[in-house]
Amino acid sequence: MLMATFKDWLAICQNKVPKVPRPGVNIPPVTIKFDKTQDDIRKVTMTILGMGTDILHISRIQKLLLPTIPINKSSSVSPFNNPKAIRFTSRILHPVHELPHYKSLISTSATPHQDIIRYVAGIWSVKESIYKSLDPSLQSQYGGFKQWWKFNDHKGRPVIGGEYLDMVAAEHGSDKEKFWCSVSHDGDVLVSQVVWSRES
């Protein structure tokens, strides 16, 4: 297990220390110890349990959400209310935490279509990253799209919630495990990364 202060970890990330050869294929989880400030006596130790990354062409999601026939701009019915889009979104969006927001986005003509498509693409990609970060023994039990949800906090940062996290909190009485998330997009490409960690 690797133990490092925040300064050590920062130096490693900035390539200011020589890299050591990595051991064999079975690498144990990395534990990082953060000293928040000199005045803060609380030490935080975080074990990284898994990482997952997904790269997605947003146009793939657009083809699933929008019909291939020309869109009638004068129609009051949203083009996202087609059978293919309804089936797809009801399969991947959490019924309580994501689907109502999606329905509110498509119900108003003020929301640009690209924003709606990017919203769904971001959720798809994050959930793919979550699945890839999970231990294989948990993938079959907690790998379903509707078992997780993504939302943004008051600062706009992506936050992940899910049935697995609820179960861990109920068993241990705390939020010791967390999924850290980052989403970025440029043009037609969207990338998400998820890090699954446990605070010791």
N, C-alpha and C. Protein backbone atom coordinates (compact mmCIF):
# COMPACT_ATOMS: atom_id res chain seq x y z
N MET A 1 0.83 -1.18 0.00
CA MET A 1 0.00 0.00 0.00
C MET A 1 0.88 1.25 0.00
N LEU A 2 0.57 2.20 -0.85
CA LEU A 2 1.36 3.42 -0.99
C LEU A 2 0.79 4.49 -0.09
N MET A 3 1.61 5.10 0.74
CA MET A 3 1.18 6.21 1.60
C MET A 3 1.98 7.44 1.18
N ALA A 4 1.29 8.55 0.98
CA ALA A 4 1.97 9.76 0.55
C ALA A 4 1.24 10.97 1.10
N THR A 5 1.98 12.03 1.39
CA THR A 5 1.34 13.28 1.78
C THR A 5 0.83 13.96 0.52
N PHE A 6 0.05 15.00 0.70
CA PHE A 6 -0.50 15.72 -0.45
C PHE A 6 0.62 16.27 -1.32
N LYS A 7 1.68 16.81 -0.69
CA LYS A 7 2.81 17.36 -1.45
C LYS A 7 3.50 16.27 -2.27
N ASP A 8 3.66 15.07 -1.66
CA ASP A 8 4.26 13.95 -2.39
C ASP A 8 3.40 13.57 -3.59
N TRP A 9 2.10 13.49 -3.36
CA TRP A 9 1.17 13.11 -4.42
C TRP A 9 1.19 14.15 -5.55
N LEU A 10 1.22 15.42 -5.17
CA LEU A 10 1.28 16.49 -6.16
C LEU A 10 2.57 16.39 -6.98
N ALA A 11 3.68 16.10 -6.32
CA ALA A 11 4.96 15.96 -7.02
C ALA A 11 4.91 14.79 -8.00
N ILE A 12 4.27 13.70 -7.59
CA ILE A 12 4.14 12.53 -8.47
C ILE A 12 3.31 12.92 -9.69
N CYS A 13 2.20 13.62 -9.47
CA CYS A 13 1.32 14.02 -10.57
C CYS A 13 2.02 14.98 -11.53
N GLN A 14 2.90 15.80 -11.03
CA GLN A 14 3.61 16.77 -11.87
C GLN A 14 4.91 16.20 -12.43
N ASN A 15 5.12 14.90 -12.25
CA ASN A 15 6.31 14.22 -12.76
C ASN A 15 7.60 14.83 -12.24
N LYS A 16 7.62 15.27 -10.99
CA LYS A 16 8.83 15.85 -10.42
C LYS A 16 9.64 14.82 -9.63
N VAL A 17 9.14 13.61 -9.56
CA VAL A 17 9.90 12.56 -8.88
C VAL A 17 10.09 11.42 -9.87
N PRO A 18 11.17 10.67 -9.74
CA PRO A 18 11.39 9.57 -10.67
C PRO A 18 10.31 8.50 -10.50
N LYS A 19 9.88 7.95 -11.61
CA LYS A 19 8.86 6.91 -11.57
C LYS A 19 9.53 5.59 -11.19
N VAL A 20 8.87 4.84 -10.33
CA VAL A 20 9.38 3.53 -9.95
C VAL A 20 8.68 2.48 -10.79
N PRO A 21 9.35 1.40 -11.11
CA PRO A 21 8.70 0.35 -11.89
C PRO A 21 7.49 -0.18 -11.14
N ARG A 22 6.41 -0.41 -11.86
CA ARG A 22 5.19 -0.93 -11.25
C ARG A 22 5.34 -2.43 -11.04
N PRO A 23 4.81 -2.94 -9.93
CA PRO A 23 4.87 -4.39 -9.72
C PRO A 23 4.00 -5.10 -10.75
N GLY A 24 3.88 -6.41 -10.61
CA GLY A 24 3.15 -7.24 -11.56
C GLY A 24 1.73 -6.79 -11.85
N VAL A 25 0.96 -7.65 -12.44
CA VAL A 25 -0.38 -7.32 -12.90
C VAL A 25 -1.32 -7.03 -11.74
N ASN A 26 -1.24 -7.78 -10.67
CA ASN A 26 -2.15 -7.61 -9.53
C ASN A 26 -1.64 -6.52 -8.60
N ILE A 27 -2.02 -5.29 -8.89
CA ILE A 27 -1.58 -4.15 -8.10
C ILE A 27 -2.64 -3.88 -7.03
N PRO A 28 -2.24 -3.79 -5.76
CA PRO A 28 -3.23 -3.53 -4.71
C PRO A 28 -3.77 -2.11 -4.81
N PRO A 29 -4.93 -1.84 -4.17
CA PRO A 29 -5.46 -0.48 -4.19
C PRO A 29 -4.46 0.52 -3.65
N VAL A 30 -4.45 1.71 -4.22
CA VAL A 30 -3.54 2.76 -3.80
C VAL A 30 -4.18 3.55 -2.67
N THR A 31 -3.46 3.77 -1.60
CA THR A 31 -3.96 4.59 -0.50
C THR A 31 -3.17 5.88 -0.47
N ILE A 32 -3.88 6.98 -0.45
CA ILE A 32 -3.26 8.30 -0.45
C ILE A 32 -3.67 9.02 0.82
N LYS A 33 -2.71 9.59 1.50
CA LYS A 33 -2.98 10.32 2.74
C LYS A 33 -2.84 11.80 2.44
N PHE A 34 -3.91 12.56 2.68
CA PHE A 34 -3.91 13.99 2.41
C PHE A 34 -3.80 14.76 3.72
N ASP A 35 -2.84 15.66 3.83
CA ASP A 35 -2.80 16.62 4.92
C ASP A 35 -3.45 17.88 4.37
N LYS A 36 -4.66 18.19 4.85
CA LYS A 36 -5.41 19.30 4.27
C LYS A 36 -4.68 20.63 4.43
N THR A 37 -4.37 21.02 5.64
CA THR A 37 -3.60 22.23 5.89
C THR A 37 -2.73 21.97 7.11
N GLN A 38 -1.82 22.89 7.37
CA GLN A 38 -0.97 22.75 8.54
C GLN A 38 -1.80 22.84 9.82
N ASP A 39 -2.86 23.65 9.80
CA ASP A 39 -3.67 23.86 11.00
C ASP A 39 -4.69 22.74 11.22
N ASP A 40 -5.01 22.02 10.17
CA ASP A 40 -6.04 20.99 10.27
C ASP A 40 -5.41 19.71 10.81
N ILE A 41 -5.90 19.23 11.95
CA ILE A 41 -5.31 18.03 12.54
C ILE A 41 -5.93 16.75 11.96
N ARG A 42 -7.03 16.90 11.26
CA ARG A 42 -7.70 15.74 10.69
C ARG A 42 -6.94 15.26 9.46
N LYS A 43 -6.64 13.99 9.44
CA LYS A 43 -5.97 13.38 8.29
C LYS A 43 -7.02 12.57 7.52
N VAL A 44 -6.93 12.63 6.21
CA VAL A 44 -7.85 11.87 5.37
C VAL A 44 -7.04 10.85 4.59
N THR A 45 -7.41 9.60 4.71
CA THR A 45 -6.78 8.55 3.93
C THR A 45 -7.82 7.99 2.98
N MET A 46 -7.49 7.97 1.71
CA MET A 46 -8.43 7.52 0.70
C MET A 46 -7.82 6.34 -0.05
N THR A 47 -8.59 5.27 -0.15
CA THR A 47 -8.18 4.11 -0.93
C THR A 47 -8.91 4.14 -2.26
N ILE A 48 -8.18 4.09 -3.34
CA ILE A 48 -8.80 4.04 -4.66
C ILE A 48 -9.14 2.59 -4.97
N LEU A 49 -10.43 2.33 -5.13
CA LEU A 49 -10.90 0.96 -5.36
C LEU A 49 -11.04 0.62 -6.84
N GLY A 50 -11.25 1.64 -7.66
CA GLY A 50 -11.40 1.38 -9.09
C GLY A 50 -11.50 2.67 -9.88
N MET A 51 -11.23 2.56 -11.18
CA MET A 51 -11.34 3.71 -12.09
C MET A 51 -11.99 3.24 -13.38
N GLY A 52 -12.78 4.13 -13.97
CA GLY A 52 -13.40 3.81 -15.25
C GLY A 52 -13.44 5.04 -16.13
N THR A 53 -13.25 4.86 -17.43
CA THR A 53 -13.28 5.95 -18.39
C THR A 53 -14.15 5.55 -19.57
N ASP A 54 -14.88 6.52 -20.12
CA ASP A 54 -15.70 6.26 -21.30
C ASP A 54 -15.55 7.42 -22.27
N ILE A 55 -15.45 7.11 -23.54
CA ILE A 55 -15.41 8.11 -24.61
C ILE A 55 -16.60 7.83 -25.52
N LEU A 56 -17.32 8.88 -25.86
CA LEU A 56 -18.57 8.72 -26.60
C LEU A 56 -18.71 9.78 -27.68
N HIS A 57 -19.16 9.38 -28.85
CA HIS A 57 -19.55 10.34 -29.89
C HIS A 57 -20.99 10.74 -29.59
N ILE A 58 -21.21 12.02 -29.34
CA ILE A 58 -22.55 12.51 -28.98
C ILE A 58 -23.54 12.22 -30.10
N SER A 59 -23.08 12.16 -31.33
CA SER A 59 -23.97 11.88 -32.46
C SER A 59 -24.64 10.50 -32.34
N ARG A 60 -24.01 9.55 -31.65
CA ARG A 60 -24.64 8.24 -31.42
C ARG A 60 -25.91 8.40 -30.60
N ILE A 61 -25.84 9.24 -29.57
CA ILE A 61 -27.01 9.48 -28.72
C ILE A 61 -28.06 10.28 -29.50
N GLN A 62 -27.60 11.20 -30.32
CA GLN A 62 -28.54 11.99 -31.12
C GLN A 62 -29.37 11.09 -32.04
N LYS A 63 -28.73 10.09 -32.64
CA LYS A 63 -29.45 9.16 -33.52
C LYS A 63 -30.49 8.35 -32.74
N LEU A 64 -30.22 8.09 -31.46
CA LEU A 64 -31.18 7.34 -30.65
C LEU A 64 -32.34 8.20 -30.18
N LEU A 65 -32.09 9.49 -30.00
CA LEU A 65 -33.12 10.37 -29.44
C LEU A 65 -34.00 11.04 -30.48
N LEU A 66 -33.43 11.42 -31.60
CA LEU A 66 -34.19 12.18 -32.60
C LEU A 66 -34.54 11.31 -33.79
N PRO A 67 -35.74 11.49 -34.31
CA PRO A 67 -36.14 10.71 -35.48
C PRO A 67 -35.32 11.11 -36.70
N THR A 68 -35.24 10.20 -37.64
CA THR A 68 -34.47 10.49 -38.85
C THR A 68 -35.27 11.31 -39.85
N ILE A 69 -36.59 11.40 -39.64
CA ILE A 69 -37.41 12.22 -40.53
C ILE A 69 -37.20 13.69 -40.18
N PRO A 70 -37.43 14.59 -41.12
CA PRO A 70 -37.25 16.02 -40.82
C PRO A 70 -38.16 16.47 -39.68
N ILE A 71 -37.65 17.35 -38.84
CA ILE A 71 -38.40 17.84 -37.69
C ILE A 71 -39.30 18.99 -38.12
N ASN A 72 -40.57 18.90 -37.74
CA ASN A 72 -41.53 19.96 -38.03
C ASN A 72 -41.39 21.04 -36.97
N LYS A 73 -40.79 22.16 -37.32
CA LYS A 73 -40.52 23.23 -36.35
C LYS A 73 -41.81 23.83 -35.80
N SER A 74 -42.91 23.80 -36.57
CA SER A 74 -44.15 24.43 -36.12
C SER A 74 -44.95 23.52 -35.19
N SER A 75 -44.58 22.25 -35.08
CA SER A 75 -45.32 21.32 -34.23
C SER A 75 -45.09 21.64 -32.76
N SER A 76 -46.15 21.49 -31.96
CA SER A 76 -46.02 21.74 -30.52
C SER A 76 -45.50 20.51 -29.79
N VAL A 77 -45.45 19.37 -30.47
CA VAL A 77 -44.97 18.14 -29.87
C VAL A 77 -43.45 18.09 -30.00
N SER A 78 -42.78 17.78 -28.90
CA SER A 78 -41.32 17.70 -28.91
C SER A 78 -40.86 16.55 -29.79
N PRO A 79 -39.82 16.75 -30.59
CA PRO A 79 -39.30 15.64 -31.40
C PRO A 79 -38.71 14.52 -30.53
N PHE A 80 -38.46 14.81 -29.26
CA PHE A 80 -37.93 13.80 -28.34
C PHE A 80 -39.03 12.87 -27.82
N ASN A 81 -40.29 13.17 -28.14
CA ASN A 81 -41.41 12.31 -27.72
C ASN A 81 -41.71 11.26 -28.78
N ASN A 82 -40.69 10.70 -29.38
CA ASN A 82 -40.89 9.61 -30.33
C ASN A 82 -40.65 8.29 -29.61
N PRO A 83 -41.23 7.19 -30.09
CA PRO A 83 -41.13 5.91 -29.38
C PRO A 83 -39.70 5.46 -29.09
N LYS A 84 -38.80 5.67 -30.04
CA LYS A 84 -37.40 5.25 -29.86
C LYS A 84 -36.74 6.01 -28.70
N ALA A 85 -36.95 7.32 -28.65
CA ALA A 85 -36.36 8.14 -27.58
C ALA A 85 -36.97 7.81 -26.23
N ILE A 86 -38.28 7.60 -26.20
CA ILE A 86 -38.95 7.26 -24.94
C ILE A 86 -38.43 5.94 -24.40
N ARG A 87 -38.30 4.94 -25.27
CA ARG A 87 -37.80 3.63 -24.86
C ARG A 87 -36.36 3.73 -24.35
N PHE A 88 -35.52 4.46 -25.07
CA PHE A 88 -34.11 4.59 -24.70
C PHE A 88 -33.95 5.31 -23.36
N THR A 89 -34.61 6.45 -23.19
CA THR A 89 -34.44 7.22 -21.95
C THR A 89 -35.05 6.51 -20.75
N SER A 90 -36.14 5.79 -20.96
CA SER A 90 -36.72 5.07 -19.82
C SER A 90 -35.86 3.87 -19.42
N ARG A 91 -34.99 3.42 -20.32
CA ARG A 91 -34.08 2.32 -20.01
C ARG A 91 -32.83 2.78 -19.27
N ILE A 92 -32.35 4.01 -19.54
CA ILE A 92 -31.07 4.41 -18.94
C ILE A 92 -31.20 5.47 -17.84
N LEU A 93 -32.27 6.25 -17.81
CA LEU A 93 -32.38 7.33 -16.82
C LEU A 93 -33.06 6.83 -15.55
N HIS A 94 -32.54 7.26 -14.40
CA HIS A 94 -33.13 6.87 -13.13
C HIS A 94 -34.53 7.49 -13.05
N PRO A 95 -35.55 6.69 -12.68
CA PRO A 95 -36.94 7.18 -12.72
C PRO A 95 -37.24 8.33 -11.77
N VAL A 96 -36.48 8.49 -10.71
CA VAL A 96 -36.74 9.56 -9.73
C VAL A 96 -35.78 10.73 -9.90
N HIS A 97 -34.50 10.44 -10.09
CA HIS A 97 -33.48 11.48 -10.06
C HIS A 97 -33.11 12.07 -11.42
N GLU A 98 -33.42 11.38 -12.53
CA GLU A 98 -33.01 11.88 -13.85
C GLU A 98 -34.16 12.05 -14.84
N LEU A 99 -35.07 11.10 -14.89
CA LEU A 99 -36.14 11.14 -15.88
C LEU A 99 -37.04 12.38 -15.75
N PRO A 100 -37.43 12.79 -14.53
CA PRO A 100 -38.25 14.02 -14.43
C PRO A 100 -37.54 15.26 -14.98
N HIS A 101 -36.23 15.37 -14.74
CA HIS A 101 -35.49 16.52 -15.27
C HIS A 101 -35.44 16.47 -16.79
N TYR A 102 -35.22 15.29 -17.34
CA TYR A 102 -35.21 15.13 -18.80
C TYR A 102 -36.57 15.54 -19.38
N LYS A 103 -37.65 15.10 -18.75
CA LYS A 103 -38.99 15.44 -19.25
C LYS A 103 -39.25 16.94 -19.18
N SER A 104 -38.72 17.59 -18.14
CA SER A 104 -38.90 19.05 -18.06
C SER A 104 -38.09 19.76 -19.14
N LEU A 105 -36.92 19.21 -19.49
CA LEU A 105 -36.11 19.80 -20.56
C LEU A 105 -36.80 19.70 -21.92
N ILE A 106 -37.41 18.54 -22.20
CA ILE A 106 -38.02 18.37 -23.53
C ILE A 106 -39.40 19.02 -23.61
N SER A 107 -39.98 19.39 -22.47
CA SER A 107 -41.33 19.98 -22.50
C SER A 107 -41.31 21.46 -22.87
N THR A 108 -40.16 22.09 -22.82
CA THR A 108 -40.08 23.50 -23.16
C THR A 108 -39.30 23.68 -24.46
N SER A 109 -39.76 24.58 -25.29
CA SER A 109 -39.06 24.83 -26.55
C SER A 109 -37.83 25.71 -26.34
N ALA A 110 -37.66 26.23 -25.12
CA ALA A 110 -36.53 27.12 -24.83
C ALA A 110 -35.21 26.35 -24.72
N THR A 111 -35.27 25.04 -24.43
CA THR A 111 -34.05 24.26 -24.28
C THR A 111 -33.55 23.80 -25.66
N PRO A 112 -32.35 24.21 -26.05
CA PRO A 112 -31.81 23.78 -27.35
C PRO A 112 -31.67 22.26 -27.41
N HIS A 113 -31.91 21.69 -28.58
CA HIS A 113 -31.84 20.24 -28.74
C HIS A 113 -30.47 19.70 -28.36
N GLN A 114 -29.40 20.42 -28.72
CA GLN A 114 -28.05 19.94 -28.41
C GLN A 114 -27.82 19.84 -26.91
N ASP A 115 -28.41 20.73 -26.12
CA ASP A 115 -28.27 20.66 -24.66
C ASP A 115 -28.94 19.40 -24.11
N ILE A 116 -30.10 19.07 -24.66
CA ILE A 116 -30.82 17.86 -24.22
C ILE A 116 -30.01 16.62 -24.59
N ILE A 117 -29.51 16.59 -25.81
CA ILE A 117 -28.72 15.44 -26.27
C ILE A 117 -27.45 15.31 -25.43
N ARG A 118 -26.78 16.42 -25.14
CA ARG A 118 -25.56 16.39 -24.33
C ARG A 118 -25.86 15.93 -22.90
N TYR A 119 -27.02 16.33 -22.36
CA TYR A 119 -27.43 15.89 -21.02
C TYR A 119 -27.54 14.36 -20.96
N VAL A 120 -28.24 13.78 -21.92
CA VAL A 120 -28.42 12.33 -21.95
C VAL A 120 -27.09 11.63 -22.24
N ALA A 121 -26.29 12.17 -23.14
CA ALA A 121 -24.98 11.58 -23.47
C ALA A 121 -24.07 11.58 -22.25
N GLY A 122 -24.09 12.66 -21.46
CA GLY A 122 -23.28 12.73 -20.25
C GLY A 122 -23.67 11.66 -19.25
N ILE A 123 -24.98 11.46 -19.08
CA ILE A 123 -25.45 10.43 -18.15
C ILE A 123 -25.03 9.04 -18.64
N TRP A 124 -25.23 8.77 -19.92
CA TRP A 124 -24.84 7.48 -20.49
C TRP A 124 -23.35 7.21 -20.24
N SER A 125 -22.52 8.18 -20.56
CA SER A 125 -21.07 8.02 -20.45
C SER A 125 -20.64 7.82 -19.00
N VAL A 126 -21.20 8.60 -18.08
CA VAL A 126 -20.85 8.46 -16.66
C VAL A 126 -21.23 7.08 -16.16
N LYS A 127 -22.39 6.59 -16.55
CA LYS A 127 -22.82 5.26 -16.08
C LYS A 127 -21.95 4.16 -16.67
N GLU A 128 -21.48 4.33 -17.89
CA GLU A 128 -20.52 3.39 -18.46
C GLU A 128 -19.22 3.40 -17.65
N SER A 129 -18.77 4.59 -17.26
CA SER A 129 -17.54 4.72 -16.46
C SER A 129 -17.72 4.10 -15.08
N ILE A 130 -18.90 4.29 -14.49
CA ILE A 130 -19.17 3.67 -13.18
C ILE A 130 -19.04 2.16 -13.30
N TYR A 131 -19.68 1.59 -14.31
CA TYR A 131 -19.64 0.14 -14.51
C TYR A 131 -18.20 -0.35 -14.64
N LYS A 132 -17.39 0.37 -15.41
CA LYS A 132 -16.00 -0.03 -15.62
C LYS A 132 -15.17 0.11 -14.35
N SER A 133 -15.57 1.00 -13.44
CA SER A 133 -14.80 1.19 -12.20
C SER A 133 -15.14 0.14 -11.15
N LEU A 134 -16.30 -0.49 -11.27
CA LEU A 134 -16.74 -1.45 -10.26
C LEU A 134 -15.91 -2.73 -10.30
N ASP A 135 -15.77 -3.33 -9.13
CA ASP A 135 -15.16 -4.64 -9.02
C ASP A 135 -16.04 -5.62 -9.80
N PRO A 136 -15.45 -6.57 -10.53
CA PRO A 136 -16.27 -7.52 -11.30
C PRO A 136 -17.33 -8.24 -10.46
N SER A 137 -17.05 -8.46 -9.18
CA SER A 137 -18.04 -9.14 -8.33
C SER A 137 -19.27 -8.27 -8.08
N LEU A 138 -19.16 -6.95 -8.26
CA LEU A 138 -20.29 -6.05 -8.04
C LEU A 138 -20.99 -5.65 -9.34
N GLN A 139 -20.36 -5.90 -10.48
CA GLN A 139 -20.92 -5.45 -11.75
C GLN A 139 -22.28 -6.06 -12.04
N SER A 140 -22.45 -7.35 -11.74
CA SER A 140 -23.74 -7.99 -12.04
C SER A 140 -24.83 -7.50 -11.10
N GLN A 141 -24.47 -7.17 -9.86
CA GLN A 141 -25.47 -6.76 -8.87
C GLN A 141 -25.78 -5.26 -8.95
N TYR A 142 -24.78 -4.43 -9.23
CA TYR A 142 -24.98 -2.98 -9.20
C TYR A 142 -24.59 -2.30 -10.51
N GLY A 143 -24.55 -3.04 -11.60
CA GLY A 143 -24.12 -2.47 -12.87
C GLY A 143 -25.22 -1.94 -13.76
N GLY A 144 -26.47 -1.96 -13.28
CA GLY A 144 -27.58 -1.50 -14.10
C GLY A 144 -27.63 0.02 -14.23
N PHE A 145 -28.04 0.49 -15.40
CA PHE A 145 -28.09 1.94 -15.65
C PHE A 145 -29.02 2.66 -14.68
N LYS A 146 -30.16 2.05 -14.35
CA LYS A 146 -31.13 2.75 -13.51
C LYS A 146 -30.82 2.62 -12.02
N GLN A 147 -29.72 1.98 -11.66
CA GLN A 147 -29.32 1.88 -10.26
C GLN A 147 -28.42 3.04 -9.83
N TRP A 148 -28.06 3.90 -10.76
CA TRP A 148 -27.18 5.03 -10.50
C TRP A 148 -27.82 6.30 -11.02
N TRP A 149 -27.41 7.43 -10.49
CA TRP A 149 -27.87 8.70 -11.04
C TRP A 149 -26.77 9.74 -10.92
N LYS A 150 -26.80 10.66 -11.88
CA LYS A 150 -25.84 11.77 -11.92
C LYS A 150 -26.61 13.07 -11.83
N PHE A 151 -26.10 13.97 -11.02
CA PHE A 151 -26.69 15.30 -10.95
C PHE A 151 -25.55 16.28 -10.72
N ASN A 152 -25.85 17.56 -10.83
CA ASN A 152 -24.83 18.58 -10.60
C ASN A 152 -25.13 19.28 -9.29
N ASP A 153 -24.08 19.54 -8.50
CA ASP A 153 -24.27 20.26 -7.24
C ASP A 153 -24.46 21.75 -7.52
N HIS A 154 -24.55 22.55 -6.46
CA HIS A 154 -24.82 23.99 -6.61
C HIS A 154 -23.71 24.73 -7.36
N LYS A 155 -22.52 24.11 -7.46
CA LYS A 155 -21.42 24.74 -8.22
C LYS A 155 -21.31 24.17 -9.63
N GLY A 156 -22.22 23.29 -10.01
CA GLY A 156 -22.21 22.72 -11.34
C GLY A 156 -21.33 21.48 -11.49
N ARG A 157 -20.75 21.01 -10.39
CA ARG A 157 -19.89 19.82 -10.45
C ARG A 157 -20.74 18.56 -10.52
N PRO A 158 -20.34 17.57 -11.34
CA PRO A 158 -21.12 16.33 -11.39
C PRO A 158 -20.95 15.52 -10.11
N VAL A 159 -22.07 14.98 -9.63
CA VAL A 159 -22.10 14.17 -8.41
C VAL A 159 -22.81 12.87 -8.76
N ILE A 160 -22.35 11.77 -8.17
CA ILE A 160 -22.94 10.45 -8.45
C ILE A 160 -23.63 9.93 -7.20
N GLY A 161 -24.82 9.41 -7.39
CA GLY A 161 -25.56 8.71 -6.34
C GLY A 161 -25.95 7.35 -6.88
N GLY A 162 -26.29 6.44 -5.96
CA GLY A 162 -26.68 5.12 -6.44
C GLY A 162 -27.11 4.19 -5.33
N GLU A 163 -27.76 3.10 -5.73
CA GLU A 163 -28.25 2.11 -4.76
C GLU A 163 -27.09 1.50 -3.98
N TYR A 164 -25.96 1.27 -4.65
CA TYR A 164 -24.80 0.70 -3.95
C TYR A 164 -24.33 1.63 -2.85
N LEU A 165 -24.23 2.93 -3.14
CA LEU A 165 -23.79 3.90 -2.13
C LEU A 165 -24.79 3.98 -0.98
N ASP A 166 -26.09 3.89 -1.29
CA ASP A 166 -27.11 3.88 -0.24
C ASP A 166 -26.95 2.66 0.66
N MET A 167 -26.64 1.50 0.06
CA MET A 167 -26.45 0.28 0.83
C MET A 167 -25.22 0.38 1.73
N VAL A 168 -24.12 0.92 1.21
CA VAL A 168 -22.90 1.08 2.01
C VAL A 168 -23.16 2.03 3.17
N ALA A 169 -23.85 3.14 2.92
CA ALA A 169 -24.16 4.11 3.98
C ALA A 169 -25.05 3.49 5.04
N ALA A 170 -26.01 2.67 4.63
CA ALA A 170 -26.91 2.02 5.59
C ALA A 170 -26.16 1.00 6.44
N GLU A 171 -25.24 0.26 5.84
CA GLU A 171 -24.48 -0.76 6.57
C GLU A 171 -23.48 -0.15 7.54
N HIS A 172 -22.82 0.93 7.13
CA HIS A 172 -21.73 1.49 7.92
C HIS A 172 -22.10 2.79 8.62
N GLY A 173 -23.28 3.31 8.34
CA GLY A 173 -23.72 4.54 8.99
C GLY A 173 -22.96 5.78 8.56
N SER A 174 -22.29 5.71 7.42
CA SER A 174 -21.56 6.89 6.94
C SER A 174 -21.35 6.78 5.44
N ASP A 175 -20.89 7.87 4.87
CA ASP A 175 -20.61 7.91 3.43
C ASP A 175 -19.12 7.69 3.19
N LYS A 176 -18.63 6.53 3.57
CA LYS A 176 -17.19 6.25 3.45
C LYS A 176 -16.76 6.05 2.00
N GLU A 177 -17.67 5.53 1.17
CA GLU A 177 -17.32 5.30 -0.23
C GLU A 177 -17.92 6.39 -1.09
N LYS A 178 -17.20 6.74 -2.15
CA LYS A 178 -17.64 7.81 -3.03
C LYS A 178 -17.16 7.53 -4.44
N PHE A 179 -17.94 8.00 -5.40
CA PHE A 179 -17.54 7.94 -6.80
C PHE A 179 -17.29 9.37 -7.25
N TRP A 180 -16.04 9.67 -7.59
CA TRP A 180 -15.65 11.00 -8.07
C TRP A 180 -15.80 11.00 -9.58
N CYS A 181 -16.28 12.09 -10.13
CA CYS A 181 -16.63 12.10 -11.54
C CYS A 181 -16.13 13.37 -12.23
N SER A 182 -15.71 13.20 -13.47
CA SER A 182 -15.35 14.34 -14.31
C SER A 182 -15.91 14.08 -15.71
N VAL A 183 -16.53 15.11 -16.29
CA VAL A 183 -17.10 15.01 -17.63
C VAL A 183 -16.58 16.17 -18.46
N SER A 184 -16.17 15.88 -19.68
CA SER A 184 -15.69 16.92 -20.58
C SER A 184 -16.17 16.62 -21.99
N HIS A 185 -16.46 17.67 -22.74
CA HIS A 185 -16.88 17.45 -24.13
C HIS A 185 -16.29 18.52 -25.02
N ASP A 186 -16.05 18.13 -26.26
CA ASP A 186 -15.54 19.05 -27.28
C ASP A 186 -16.12 18.60 -28.61
N GLY A 187 -16.94 19.45 -29.19
CA GLY A 187 -17.59 19.08 -30.44
C GLY A 187 -18.46 17.86 -30.25
N ASP A 188 -18.18 16.82 -31.01
CA ASP A 188 -18.99 15.60 -30.98
C ASP A 188 -18.46 14.56 -29.99
N VAL A 189 -17.39 14.86 -29.28
CA VAL A 189 -16.78 13.88 -28.38
C VAL A 189 -17.03 14.26 -26.93
N LEU A 190 -17.47 13.28 -26.15
CA LEU A 190 -17.68 13.46 -24.71
C LEU A 190 -16.87 12.40 -23.98
N VAL A 191 -16.17 12.80 -22.93
CA VAL A 191 -15.33 11.90 -22.15
C VAL A 191 -15.75 12.00 -20.69
N SER A 192 -15.86 10.86 -20.03
CA SER A 192 -16.12 10.87 -18.59
C SER A 192 -15.13 9.94 -17.90
N GLN A 193 -14.80 10.31 -16.67
CA GLN A 193 -13.93 9.47 -15.86
C GLN A 193 -14.52 9.39 -14.46
N VAL A 194 -14.49 8.19 -13.89
CA VAL A 194 -15.01 7.96 -12.55
C VAL A 194 -13.93 7.27 -11.73
N VAL A 195 -13.73 7.76 -10.50
CA VAL A 195 -12.82 7.13 -9.55
C VAL A 195 -13.64 6.72 -8.34
N TRP A 196 -13.57 5.44 -8.00
CA TRP A 196 -14.30 4.88 -6.86
C TRP A 196 -13.32 4.83 -5.69
N SER A 197 -13.68 5.47 -4.58
CA SER A 197 -12.76 5.54 -3.44
C SER A 197 -13.46 5.22 -2.13
N ARG A 198 -12.64 4.88 -1.14
CA ARG A 198 -13.13 4.66 0.22
C ARG A 198 -12.26 5.44 1.18
N GLU A 199 -12.90 6.20 2.06
CA GLU A 199 -12.16 6.95 3.08
C GLU A 199 -11.90 6.03 4.25
N SER A 200 -10.65 5.96 4.70
CA SER A 200 -10.28 5.08 5.82
C SER A 200 -10.31 5.83 7.12
